[in-house]
Amino acid sequence: CTGVRVRENGGDRAYRAQRGVVLAAGAFGSPHILMLSGIGPAEHLRAHGLAVSIDAPGVGAGLQDHPTVAVNFGTTRRDTLKTADSIFNLLR
């Protein structure tokens, strides 16, 4: 990747990188953007009518969603959220 092309103020504009480009659109967004750009598993891209620039089978592989996230906080109260992420509460 050498830069990006964006639609800005009603027109197209290209921004070129001098050294490199970091794609940071999250676990789902980054593979999506790469695949739309033709970088990904060739068969999958072709099946969706996308031109293949680079056959990269690992793009988008092994994605997982994490339904719980640990959060720590301090409080002066005695009640807690200790069971908030129990199996019962997650299913509820």
C-alpha atoms as a PDB file:
ATOM      1  CA  CYS A   1       0.000   0.000   0.000  1.00  0.00           C
ATOM      2  CA  THR A   2       1.371   3.388  -0.905  1.00  0.00           C
ATOM      3  CA  GLY A   3      -1.419   5.632   0.317  1.00  0.00           C
ATOM      4  CA  VAL A   4      -5.170   6.115   0.295  1.00  0.00           C
ATOM      5  CA  ARG A   5      -7.727   7.670  -1.993  1.00  0.00           C
ATOM      6  CA  VAL A   6     -10.687   9.382  -0.323  1.00  0.00           C
ATOM      7  CA  ARG A   7     -13.792  11.238  -1.338  1.00  0.00           C
ATOM      8  CA  GLU A   8     -13.483  14.684   0.207  1.00  0.00           C
ATOM      9  CA  ASN A   9     -15.539  17.849  -0.265  1.00  0.00           C
ATOM     10  CA  GLY A  10     -17.337  16.348  -3.241  1.00  0.00           C
ATOM     11  CA  GLY A  11     -14.167  15.224  -5.039  1.00  0.00           C
ATOM     12  CA  ASP A  12     -11.560  12.479  -4.993  1.00  0.00           C
ATOM     13  CA  ARG A  13      -8.203  13.087  -3.361  1.00  0.00           C
ATOM     14  CA  ALA A  14      -5.135  10.865  -2.995  1.00  0.00           C
ATOM     15  CA  TYR A  15      -2.835  10.896   0.001  1.00  0.00           C
ATOM     16  CA  ARG A  16       0.546   9.244  -0.518  1.00  0.00           C
ATOM     17  CA  ALA A  17       2.658   7.760   2.254  1.00  0.00           C
ATOM     18  CA  GLN A  18       6.371   8.481   2.379  1.00  0.00           C
ATOM     19  CA  ARG A  19       7.281   5.283   4.257  1.00  0.00           C
ATOM     20  CA  GLY A  20       4.357   2.985   5.021  1.00  0.00           C
ATOM     21  CA  VAL A  21       0.685   2.721   5.795  1.00  0.00           C
ATOM     22  CA  VAL A  22      -0.860   1.276   8.963  1.00  0.00           C
ATOM     23  CA  LEU A  23      -4.378  -0.072   8.520  1.00  0.00           C
ATOM     24  CA  ALA A  24      -6.192   0.027  11.861  1.00  0.00           C
ATOM     25  CA  ALA A  25      -9.914  -0.534  11.440  1.00  0.00           C
ATOM     26  CA  GLY A  26     -10.395  -3.213  14.092  1.00  0.00           C
ATOM     27  CA  ALA A  27     -10.610  -6.984  13.969  1.00  0.00           C
ATOM     28  CA  PHE A  28     -13.541  -6.952  11.536  1.00  0.00           C
ATOM     29  CA  GLY A  29     -12.982  -3.682   9.661  1.00  0.00           C
ATOM     30  CA  SER A  30      -9.354  -4.259   8.678  1.00  0.00           C
ATOM     31  CA  PRO A  31      -9.934  -7.585   6.868  1.00  0.00           C
ATOM     32  CA  HIS A  32     -13.032  -6.086   5.235  1.00  0.00           C
ATOM     33  CA  ILE A  33     -11.058  -3.144   3.828  1.00  0.00           C
ATOM     34  CA  LEU A  34      -8.200  -5.402   2.736  1.00  0.00           C
ATOM     35  CA  MET A  35     -10.576  -7.740   0.913  1.00  0.00           C
ATOM     36  CA  LEU A  36     -12.394  -4.870  -0.798  1.00  0.00           C
ATOM     37  CA  SER A  37      -8.930  -3.756  -1.946  1.00  0.00           C
ATOM     38  CA  GLY A  38      -8.257  -7.178  -3.486  1.00  0.00           C
ATOM     39  CA  ILE A  39      -6.052  -8.520  -0.698  1.00  0.00           C
ATOM     40  CA  GLY A  40      -7.279 -11.794   0.792  1.00  0.00           C
ATOM     41  CA  PRO A  41      -8.149 -15.400  -0.044  1.00  0.00           C
ATOM     42  CA  ALA A  42      -8.274 -15.417  -3.860  1.00  0.00           C
ATOM     43  CA  GLU A  43     -11.173 -17.869  -4.192  1.00  0.00           C
ATOM     44  CA  HIS A  44     -13.285 -15.921  -1.682  1.00  0.00           C
ATOM     45  CA  LEU A  45     -12.584 -12.618  -3.433  1.00  0.00           C
ATOM     46  CA  ARG A  46     -13.413 -14.027  -6.872  1.00  0.00           C
ATOM     47  CA  ALA A  47     -16.638 -15.582  -5.522  1.00  0.00           C
ATOM     48  CA  HIS A  48     -17.759 -12.061  -4.580  1.00  0.00           C
ATOM     49  CA  GLY A  49     -16.715 -10.515  -7.890  1.00  0.00           C
ATOM     50  CA  LEU A  50     -13.606  -8.793  -6.508  1.00  0.00           C
ATOM     51  CA  ALA A  51     -10.369  -8.555  -8.463  1.00  0.00           C
ATOM     52  CA  VAL A  52      -7.449 -10.272  -6.729  1.00  0.00           C
ATOM     53  CA  SER A  53      -4.351  -8.136  -6.141  1.00  0.00           C
ATOM     54  CA  ILE A  54      -2.682 -10.391  -3.571  1.00  0.00           C
ATOM     55  CA  ASP A  55      -3.723 -13.927  -2.619  1.00  0.00           C
ATOM     56  CA  ALA A  56      -3.432 -13.783   1.178  1.00  0.00           C
ATOM     57  CA  PRO A  57      -5.386 -16.723   2.686  1.00  0.00           C
ATOM     58  CA  GLY A  58      -4.877 -15.517   6.280  1.00  0.00           C
ATOM     59  CA  VAL A  59      -6.821 -12.276   5.843  1.00  0.00           C
ATOM     60  CA  GLY A  60     -10.070 -12.602   7.784  1.00  0.00           C
ATOM     61  CA  ALA A  61      -9.272 -16.102   9.041  1.00  0.00           C
ATOM     62  CA  GLY A  62      -9.829 -16.984  12.681  1.00  0.00           C
ATOM     63  CA  LEU A  63     -11.937 -13.966  13.639  1.00  0.00           C
ATOM     64  CA  GLN A  64     -13.582 -14.307  17.022  1.00  0.00           C
ATOM     65  CA  ASP A  65     -15.902 -12.088  18.983  1.00  0.00           C
ATOM     66  CA  HIS A  66     -15.311 -11.770  22.711  1.00  0.00           C
ATOM     67  CA  PRO A  67     -18.625 -11.301  24.552  1.00  0.00           C
ATOM     68  CA  THR A  68     -17.039 -10.342  27.864  1.00  0.00           C
ATOM     69  CA  VAL A  69     -14.375  -7.862  28.783  1.00  0.00           C
ATOM     70  CA  ALA A  70     -12.833  -7.505  32.227  1.00  0.00           C
ATOM     71  CA  VAL A  71     -13.371  -4.059  33.754  1.00  0.00           C
ATOM     72  CA  ASN A  72     -11.904  -3.043  37.108  1.00  0.00           C
ATOM     73  CA  PHE A  73     -13.002  -0.018  39.078  1.00  0.00           C
ATOM     74  CA  GLY A  74     -12.911   1.234  42.638  1.00  0.00           C
ATOM     75  CA  THR A  75     -15.959   2.022  44.759  1.00  0.00           C
ATOM     76  CA  THR A  76     -16.791   2.818  48.347  1.00  0.00           C
ATOM     77  CA  ARG A  77     -20.011   0.772  48.181  1.00  0.00           C
ATOM     78  CA  ARG A  78     -20.229  -2.844  49.330  1.00  0.00           C
ATOM     79  CA  ASP A  79     -22.361  -4.239  46.480  1.00  0.00           C
ATOM     80  CA  THR A  80     -20.451  -5.729  43.518  1.00  0.00           C
ATOM     81  CA  LEU A  81     -20.787  -6.880  39.935  1.00  0.00           C
ATOM     82  CA  LYS A  82     -19.053 -10.157  40.813  1.00  0.00           C
ATOM     83  CA  THR A  83     -21.681 -12.334  39.091  1.00  0.00           C
ATOM     84  CA  ALA A  84     -22.423  -9.972  36.192  1.00  0.00           C
ATOM     85  CA  ASP A  85     -20.424 -12.094  33.734  1.00  0.00           C
ATOM     86  CA  SER A  86     -21.695 -15.457  34.979  1.00  0.00           C
ATOM     87  CA  ILE A  87     -22.939 -17.951  32.374  1.00  0.00           C
ATOM     88  CA  PHE A  88     -26.503 -17.377  33.585  1.00  0.00           C
ATOM     89  CA  ASN A  89     -26.287 -13.604  33.133  1.00  0.00           C
ATOM     90  CA  LEU A  90     -24.536 -13.896  29.758  1.00  0.00           C
ATOM     91  CA  LEU A  91     -27.291 -16.202  28.470  1.00  0.00           C
ATOM     92  CA  ARG A  92     -29.969 -13.960  29.930  1.00  0.00           C
END
